[in-house]
């Protein structure tokens, strides 16, 4: 759908990249300045508000003219910022209480969303249905999810023991936060770039609309399976070894995806890369418990803020590389971020494995 909205409004690679960067920039501002000030409200209500904003942004992408598309992307950025901070806060809270790998399961559901979205988008593109139906479906799904969260979500508040109006001050209080931030930055850079640019990359290799959708379904499915696998097995290695293994597998999958010329081989690289990096971000968020145990709301908000900064500079840099060189060069730069996961894992403190989950 990114390719189709770009064609519908006659946007250049650079213009599309700026819209995607705007979405991520707004999300970062919300994470850094807004989320800490909202932490005293119930987490269920905060997630509902974020979902409402995402749904409104999706609706705007389907209905607004090209000159006003920036507004839809900005509103979606507000929703992204709220949902990603407070869902991670709630997941980390439950994980600390139960001692089980909750974040692995939580992030696995993100991949299910990717599978669902790619399937619907592939059907829409393959049947030549108006691409706006995909955004309308997304808006309806988000509104229903917002209603459910508002009605049935937890009343637990996300308030931190440390009162701070700006989440990034957590880095000053807890210098060790830069390690989980690097893990999440690298993982989200790859995941976010796949969301937005993998379709264009495969189109350039001659893949059809449905083949492109299937390749991203493979990536999202491998993320889902990887997080299930990590939750049951890799989590038992400890967060440090999980991050290292995740990064090494991501490097191997990224190399295949960038060196191959056949769409099927590229899809296999996507699958391996997705399965490998699946556990990186949840394990990175889990490190916050170690370095900032009494300041987890601001710590997670700070780490998420830095992680999403990759989404800000990734779209315009990818677009610039694609225009100046080619799409293969751009994809090579993006997947090289998996090396950052390996480096952060090697520098992370050793921790005691928690054992495989049986839940």
Foldseek 3Di string as FASTA:
>chain_A
DLVVLCVVQVHALQRSLQLLLLLLVLLLCCLFFPLLVQQQFFLLLLLLQLLLLLLQLLLCSLDPHPVCNSVSSNSNSNSNNSNQLSVLLVQLVVCVVPVALSLLQVLLVVLVVQLVLLVVQLVCQVVVHPSSVSSNVSSVVSNVSSVCSVVPNGRDGRHFPDRDSTLQCVCVVFVLLVLLLLLLQLLLLLVVCCSNPQLVVVVVLVDDSNLSSVLSSLLSVLLNVLSVCCRFPVLQVPLLVLLQQLLVQLVVLLVQLLPDSDSVSNSVSSNSNSSSSSCRNSSSLNCCCVRPVRGSSSSSSNSVSSNSNSSNPLSNVCSVCCVVPRNSVSSSVSSVSSVSSNVSSVVDDDDHRSHGDPD
